[in-house]
Amino acid sequence: MEVIKTDIEDVVIIKPKVFEDARGYFYESYSKRDFDKQVREITFVQDNESKSSYGVLRGLHYQKWPFAQSKLVRVLRGRVLDVAVDLRLGSPTYGKSVAVELSGDNRLMFFIPRGFAHGFAVLSDEVVFQYKCDNFYHPESEGGIAWDDPDLAIDWQLPADKVILSERDKKHPRLKDIESPFHFNVDLYQ
């Protein structure tokens, strides 16, 4: 696998080595040994999958400490714009985001460490989205930031009138209105 750095330290894009021939293709979507060596030591404990249609925007979500989650995300079918926003107070990239297009065709994966909000917008007619988490989901710990926060200025690559949100995602506050649950100089993996 190839690890591609982004503008925010520790947020990386992973390009797997794909073997293709007349029969189809094969690739190793995850190897703990390689991930621990090339990205960071981690133990994923939960896999999730969702199916969504064009215009669905899920996010921006995070789990508050001590239930913060790292995620390794990928698309099995279709395509999304996937976004990570730095929520670590004191970070030189606090409030900045990284976006990457993930698709069933490009087979890229995106690693979002603890301390970040995460969301994605569906750009194809339909998408099957899959991700690994290194901590179990705790509903009492969930938090979110408004997808259209003007201070974040994220280009979701969707017309605003085509965006489909859950009731919960319609009510998230702006970044400036939350008390960040994360601090840059604290080890979020203890």
C-alpha atoms as a PDB file:
ATOM      1  CA  MET A   1       0.000   0.000   0.000  1.00  0.00           C
ATOM      2  CA  GLU A   2       1.049   3.560  -0.656  1.00  0.00           C
ATOM      3  CA  VAL A   3       0.476   6.173   2.063  1.00  0.00           C
ATOM      4  CA  ILE A   4      -0.180   9.665   0.689  1.00  0.00           C
ATOM      5  CA  LYS A   5       0.267  12.581   3.096  1.00  0.00           C
ATOM      6  CA  THR A   6      -2.254  15.432   3.176  1.00  0.00           C
ATOM      7  CA  ASP A   7      -2.037  19.048   4.328  1.00  0.00           C
ATOM      8  CA  ILE A   8      -2.912  17.936   7.862  1.00  0.00           C
ATOM      9  CA  GLU A   9      -0.453  15.739   9.715  1.00  0.00           C
ATOM     10  CA  ASP A  10      -1.723  12.235  10.558  1.00  0.00           C
ATOM     11  CA  VAL A  11      -4.634  12.453   8.072  1.00  0.00           C
ATOM     12  CA  VAL A  12      -3.595  10.236   5.165  1.00  0.00           C
ATOM     13  CA  ILE A  13      -4.897   8.741   1.959  1.00  0.00           C
ATOM     14  CA  ILE A  14      -4.108   5.091   1.366  1.00  0.00           C
ATOM     15  CA  LYS A  15      -3.743   3.673  -2.112  1.00  0.00           C
ATOM     16  CA  PRO A  16      -3.811  -0.119  -2.102  1.00  0.00           C
ATOM     17  CA  LYS A  17      -1.828  -2.220  -4.537  1.00  0.00           C
ATOM     18  CA  VAL A  18      -4.407  -3.640  -6.937  1.00  0.00           C
ATOM     19  CA  PHE A  19      -3.800  -6.744  -9.041  1.00  0.00           C
ATOM     20  CA  GLU A  20      -5.974  -6.784 -12.167  1.00  0.00           C
ATOM     21  CA  ASP A  21      -6.285  -9.239 -15.019  1.00  0.00           C
ATOM     22  CA  ALA A  22      -8.953 -10.608 -17.352  1.00  0.00           C
ATOM     23  CA  ARG A  23     -10.741 -12.255 -14.411  1.00  0.00           C
ATOM     24  CA  GLY A  24     -11.175  -9.025 -12.453  1.00  0.00           C
ATOM     25  CA  TYR A  25      -9.097  -7.656  -9.585  1.00  0.00           C
ATOM     26  CA  PHE A  26      -7.759  -8.430  -6.123  1.00  0.00           C
ATOM     27  CA  TYR A  27      -6.376  -6.187  -3.413  1.00  0.00           C
ATOM     28  CA  GLU A  28      -5.714  -6.320   0.296  1.00  0.00           C
ATOM     29  CA  SER A  29      -8.068  -3.697   1.738  1.00  0.00           C
ATOM     30  CA  TYR A  30      -6.526  -3.836   5.206  1.00  0.00           C
ATOM     31  CA  SER A  31      -3.476  -5.384   6.825  1.00  0.00           C
ATOM     32  CA  LYS A  32      -2.898  -4.592  10.505  1.00  0.00           C
ATOM     33  CA  ARG A  33       0.812  -5.303  10.078  1.00  0.00           C
ATOM     34  CA  ASP A  34       1.216  -2.837   7.192  1.00  0.00           C
ATOM     35  CA  PHE A  35      -1.105  -0.216   8.676  1.00  0.00           C
ATOM     36  CA  ASP A  36       0.688  -0.272  12.040  1.00  0.00           C
ATOM     37  CA  LYS A  37       4.058   0.049  10.309  1.00  0.00           C
ATOM     38  CA  GLN A  38       3.181   2.743   7.751  1.00  0.00           C
ATOM     39  CA  VAL A  39       0.423   4.803   9.413  1.00  0.00           C
ATOM     40  CA  ARG A  40       0.131   4.149  13.165  1.00  0.00           C
ATOM     41  CA  GLU A  41      -0.405   1.295  15.581  1.00  0.00           C
ATOM     42  CA  ILE A  42      -4.123   0.842  15.956  1.00  0.00           C
ATOM     43  CA  THR A  43      -6.737  -1.775  16.734  1.00  0.00           C
ATOM     44  CA  PHE A  44     -10.001  -1.416  14.860  1.00  0.00           C
ATOM     45  CA  VAL A  45     -12.958  -2.840  16.803  1.00  0.00           C
ATOM     46  CA  GLN A  46     -16.013  -2.105  14.664  1.00  0.00           C
ATOM     47  CA  ASP A  47     -16.860  -2.098  10.938  1.00  0.00           C
ATOM     48  CA  ASN A  48     -19.807  -0.084   9.591  1.00  0.00           C
ATOM     49  CA  GLU A  49     -21.447   0.110   6.196  1.00  0.00           C
ATOM     50  CA  SER A  50     -24.033   2.496   4.769  1.00  0.00           C
ATOM     51  CA  LYS A  51     -25.888   2.862   1.504  1.00  0.00           C
ATOM     52  CA  SER A  52     -26.980   6.311   0.340  1.00  0.00           C
ATOM     53  CA  SER A  53     -28.287   8.063  -2.755  1.00  0.00           C
ATOM     54  CA  TYR A  54     -27.111  11.170  -4.603  1.00  0.00           C
ATOM     55  CA  GLY A  55     -27.106  14.315  -2.496  1.00  0.00           C
ATOM     56  CA  VAL A  56     -27.033  12.607   0.893  1.00  0.00           C
ATOM     57  CA  LEU A  57     -24.574  14.382   3.150  1.00  0.00           C
ATOM     58  CA  ARG A  58     -23.631  12.662   6.393  1.00  0.00           C
ATOM     59  CA  GLY A  59     -21.743  14.789   8.870  1.00  0.00           C
ATOM     60  CA  LEU A  60     -19.828  16.431  10.177  1.00  0.00           C
ATOM     61  CA  HIS A  61     -19.693  13.927  13.079  1.00  0.00           C
ATOM     62  CA  TYR A  62     -17.321  13.121  15.914  1.00  0.00           C
ATOM     63  CA  GLN A  63     -17.316  11.184  19.167  1.00  0.00           C
ATOM     64  CA  LYS A  64     -16.311  13.128  22.296  1.00  0.00           C
ATOM     65  CA  TRP A  65     -13.534  11.992  24.595  1.00  0.00           C
ATOM     66  CA  PRO A  66     -13.118   9.325  25.979  1.00  0.00           C
ATOM     67  CA  PHE A  67     -15.028   7.649  23.139  1.00  0.00           C
ATOM     68  CA  ALA A  68     -13.214   9.406  20.291  1.00  0.00           C
ATOM     69  CA  GLN A  69     -12.839   7.321  17.145  1.00  0.00           C
ATOM     70  CA  SER A  70     -10.290   6.992  14.383  1.00  0.00           C
ATOM     71  CA  LYS A  71     -11.816   5.878  11.098  1.00  0.00           C
ATOM     72  CA  LEU A  72     -10.487   4.152   8.014  1.00  0.00           C
ATOM     73  CA  VAL A  73     -13.070   4.804   5.307  1.00  0.00           C
ATOM     74  CA  ARG A  74     -13.589   3.566   1.757  1.00  0.00           C
ATOM     75  CA  VAL A  75     -16.222   3.283  -0.957  1.00  0.00           C
ATOM     76  CA  LEU A  76     -17.219  -0.077  -2.397  1.00  0.00           C
ATOM     77  CA  ARG A  77     -19.558   1.267  -5.093  1.00  0.00           C
ATOM     78  CA  GLY A  78     -20.207   4.815  -6.303  1.00  0.00           C
ATOM     79  CA  ARG A  79     -18.316   7.926  -5.226  1.00  0.00           C
ATOM     80  CA  VAL A  80     -18.234  10.459  -2.402  1.00  0.00           C
ATOM     81  CA  LEU A  81     -16.384  13.552  -1.332  1.00  0.00           C
ATOM     82  CA  ASP A  82     -14.992  12.610   2.067  1.00  0.00           C
ATOM     83  CA  VAL A  83     -13.966  15.353   4.523  1.00  0.00           C
ATOM     84  CA  ALA A  84     -12.020  15.511   7.798  1.00  0.00           C
ATOM     85  CA  VAL A  85     -11.968  18.685   9.954  1.00  0.00           C
ATOM     86  CA  ASP A  86      -9.311  19.243  12.634  1.00  0.00           C
ATOM     87  CA  LEU A  87     -10.959  19.842  16.052  1.00  0.00           C
ATOM     88  CA  ARG A  88      -7.784  19.705  18.161  1.00  0.00           C
ATOM     89  CA  LEU A  89      -7.467  22.968  20.101  1.00  0.00           C
ATOM     90  CA  GLY A  90      -3.945  24.319  19.766  1.00  0.00           C
ATOM     91  CA  SER A  91      -3.301  22.495  16.513  1.00  0.00           C
ATOM     92  CA  PRO A  92      -1.706  24.606  13.770  1.00  0.00           C
ATOM     93  CA  THR A  93      -4.440  23.251  11.476  1.00  0.00           C
ATOM     94  CA  TYR A  94      -7.398  23.703  13.881  1.00  0.00           C
ATOM     95  CA  GLY A  95     -10.577  24.281  11.872  1.00  0.00           C
ATOM     96  CA  LYS A  96      -8.909  23.293   8.600  1.00  0.00           C
ATOM     97  CA  SER A  97     -10.189  20.454   6.484  1.00  0.00           C
ATOM     98  CA  VAL A  98      -8.927  17.863   4.048  1.00  0.00           C
ATOM     99  CA  ALA A  99     -11.176  16.462   1.336  1.00  0.00           C
ATOM    100  CA  VAL A 100     -10.655  13.514  -0.979  1.00  0.00           C
ATOM    101  CA  GLU A 101     -12.840  11.815  -3.561  1.00  0.00           C
ATOM    102  CA  LEU A 102     -13.275   8.146  -2.750  1.00  0.00           C
ATOM    103  CA  SER A 103     -14.831   5.776  -5.242  1.00  0.00           C
ATOM    104  CA  GLY A 104     -15.287   2.145  -6.080  1.00  0.00           C
ATOM    105  CA  ASP A 105     -13.108   2.817  -9.110  1.00  0.00           C
ATOM    106  CA  ASN A 106     -10.144   4.591  -7.481  1.00  0.00           C
ATOM    107  CA  ARG A 107     -10.252   2.287  -4.390  1.00  0.00           C
ATOM    108  CA  LEU A 108      -8.604   4.962  -2.240  1.00  0.00           C
ATOM    109  CA  MET A 109      -9.033   4.856   1.523  1.00  0.00           C
ATOM    110  CA  PHE A 110      -8.936   7.775   3.943  1.00  0.00           C
ATOM    111  CA  PHE A 111      -7.615   7.604   7.514  1.00  0.00           C
ATOM    112  CA  ILE A 112      -9.128  10.129   9.912  1.00  0.00           C
ATOM    113  CA  PRO A 113      -7.497  10.032  13.365  1.00  0.00           C
ATOM    114  CA  ARG A 114      -9.121  10.846  16.690  1.00  0.00           C
ATOM    115  CA  GLY A 115      -9.637  14.567  17.168  1.00  0.00           C
ATOM    116  CA  PHE A 116     -11.359  15.174  13.833  1.00  0.00           C
ATOM    117  CA  ALA A 117     -14.925  15.599  12.622  1.00  0.00           C
ATOM    118  CA  HIS A 118     -15.835  13.497   9.597  1.00  0.00           C
ATOM    119  CA  GLY A 119     -18.446  13.666   6.884  1.00  0.00           C
ATOM    120  CA  PHE A 120     -19.125  12.731   3.287  1.00  0.00           C
ATOM    121  CA  ALA A 121     -21.342  13.826   0.402  1.00  0.00           C
ATOM    122  CA  VAL A 122     -22.649  11.338  -2.166  1.00  0.00           C
ATOM    123  CA  LEU A 123     -21.699  12.397  -5.709  1.00  0.00           C
ATOM    124  CA  SER A 124     -22.982   9.341  -7.610  1.00  0.00           C
ATOM    125  CA  ASP A 125     -26.528   7.984  -8.010  1.00  0.00           C
ATOM    126  CA  GLU A 126     -25.861   5.583  -5.150  1.00  0.00           C
ATOM    127  CA  VAL A 127     -22.955   4.731  -2.876  1.00  0.00           C
ATOM    128  CA  VAL A 128     -21.984   1.858  -0.611  1.00  0.00           C
ATOM    129  CA  PHE A 129     -19.654   3.266   2.035  1.00  0.00           C
ATOM    130  CA  GLN A 130     -17.651   1.231   4.536  1.00  0.00           C
ATOM    131  CA  TYR A 131     -15.467   2.175   7.475  1.00  0.00           C
ATOM    132  CA  LYS A 132     -13.522   0.771  10.383  1.00  0.00           C
ATOM    133  CA  CYS A 133     -13.493   2.414  13.844  1.00  0.00           C
ATOM    134  CA  ASP A 134     -10.998   1.982  16.649  1.00  0.00           C
ATOM    135  CA  ASN A 135     -13.570   2.640  19.380  1.00  0.00           C
ATOM    136  CA  PHE A 136     -17.144   1.505  19.859  1.00  0.00           C
ATOM    137  CA  TYR A 137     -19.984   3.914  19.131  1.00  0.00           C
ATOM    138  CA  HIS A 138     -21.525   5.624  22.177  1.00  0.00           C
ATOM    139  CA  PRO A 139     -24.637   7.668  21.308  1.00  0.00           C
ATOM    140  CA  GLU A 140     -24.309   9.824  24.429  1.00  0.00           C
ATOM    141  CA  SER A 141     -20.885  10.943  23.191  1.00  0.00           C
ATOM    142  CA  GLU A 142     -21.806  12.064  19.681  1.00  0.00           C
ATOM    143  CA  GLY A 143     -21.154  15.581  18.486  1.00  0.00           C
ATOM    144  CA  GLY A 144     -21.369  17.434  15.226  1.00  0.00           C
ATOM    145  CA  ILE A 145     -20.587  20.587  13.299  1.00  0.00           C
ATOM    146  CA  ALA A 146     -22.762  22.247  10.681  1.00  0.00           C
ATOM    147  CA  TRP A 147     -21.913  20.972   7.213  1.00  0.00           C
ATOM    148  CA  ASP A 148     -22.374  24.469   5.781  1.00  0.00           C
ATOM    149  CA  ASP A 149     -20.408  26.400   8.429  1.00  0.00           C
ATOM    150  CA  PRO A 150     -19.113  29.421   6.462  1.00  0.00           C
ATOM    151  CA  ASP A 151     -15.923  29.496   8.547  1.00  0.00           C
ATOM    152  CA  LEU A 152     -15.062  26.014   7.268  1.00  0.00           C
ATOM    153  CA  ALA A 153     -15.909  26.935   3.639  1.00  0.00           C
ATOM    154  CA  ILE A 154     -16.074  23.305   2.499  1.00  0.00           C
ATOM    155  CA  ASP A 155     -16.960  22.814  -1.154  1.00  0.00           C
ATOM    156  CA  TRP A 156     -19.057  19.664  -0.973  1.00  0.00           C
ATOM    157  CA  GLN A 157     -19.355  19.537  -4.778  1.00  0.00           C
ATOM    158  CA  LEU A 158     -23.152  19.469  -4.512  1.00  0.00           C
ATOM    159  CA  PRO A 159     -25.694  22.211  -5.204  1.00  0.00           C
ATOM    160  CA  ALA A 160     -27.086  23.312  -1.802  1.00  0.00           C
ATOM    161  CA  ASP A 161     -30.653  22.592  -2.954  1.00  0.00           C
ATOM    162  CA  LYS A 162     -29.708  18.947  -3.661  1.00  0.00           C
ATOM    163  CA  VAL A 163     -28.224  18.256  -0.205  1.00  0.00           C
ATOM    164  CA  ILE A 164     -30.202  15.677   1.803  1.00  0.00           C
ATOM    165  CA  LEU A 165     -29.605  15.740   5.574  1.00  0.00           C
ATOM    166  CA  SER A 166     -30.851  13.782   8.564  1.00  0.00           C
ATOM    167  CA  GLU A 167     -32.830  15.756  11.147  1.00  0.00           C
ATOM    168  CA  ARG A 168     -29.833  15.513  13.485  1.00  0.00           C
ATOM    169  CA  ASP A 169     -27.409  16.862  10.865  1.00  0.00           C
ATOM    170  CA  LYS A 170     -29.677  19.869  10.226  1.00  0.00           C
ATOM    171  CA  LYS A 171     -29.178  21.022  13.841  1.00  0.00           C
ATOM    172  CA  HIS A 172     -25.408  20.946  14.358  1.00  0.00           C
ATOM    173  CA  PRO A 173     -23.774  24.176  15.588  1.00  0.00           C
ATOM    174  CA  ARG A 174     -20.966  26.055  13.873  1.00  0.00           C
ATOM    175  CA  LEU A 175     -17.391  25.270  14.902  1.00  0.00           C
ATOM    176  CA  LYS A 176     -17.043  28.597  16.734  1.00  0.00           C
ATOM    177  CA  ASP A 177     -20.051  27.654  18.900  1.00  0.00           C
ATOM    178  CA  ILE A 178     -18.728  24.355  20.275  1.00  0.00           C
ATOM    179  CA  GLU A 179     -16.264  23.685  23.030  1.00  0.00           C
ATOM    180  CA  SER A 180     -13.779  21.394  21.333  1.00  0.00           C
ATOM    181  CA  PRO A 181     -13.440  18.085  23.188  1.00  0.00           C
ATOM    182  CA  PHE A 182      -9.878  17.603  21.916  1.00  0.00           C
ATOM    183  CA  HIS A 183      -6.502  19.195  22.609  1.00  0.00           C
ATOM    184  CA  PHE A 184      -3.543  19.071  20.256  1.00  0.00           C
ATOM    185  CA  ASN A 185      -0.882  18.229  22.837  1.00  0.00           C
ATOM    186  CA  VAL A 186      -2.856  15.410  24.490  1.00  0.00           C
ATOM    187  CA  ASP A 187      -2.338  11.828  23.363  1.00  0.00           C
ATOM    188  CA  LEU A 188      -5.788  10.792  22.170  1.00  0.00           C
ATOM    189  CA  TYR A 189      -4.700   7.130  21.992  1.00  0.00           C
ATOM    190  CA  GLN A 190      -4.053   6.517  25.694  1.00  0.00           C
END
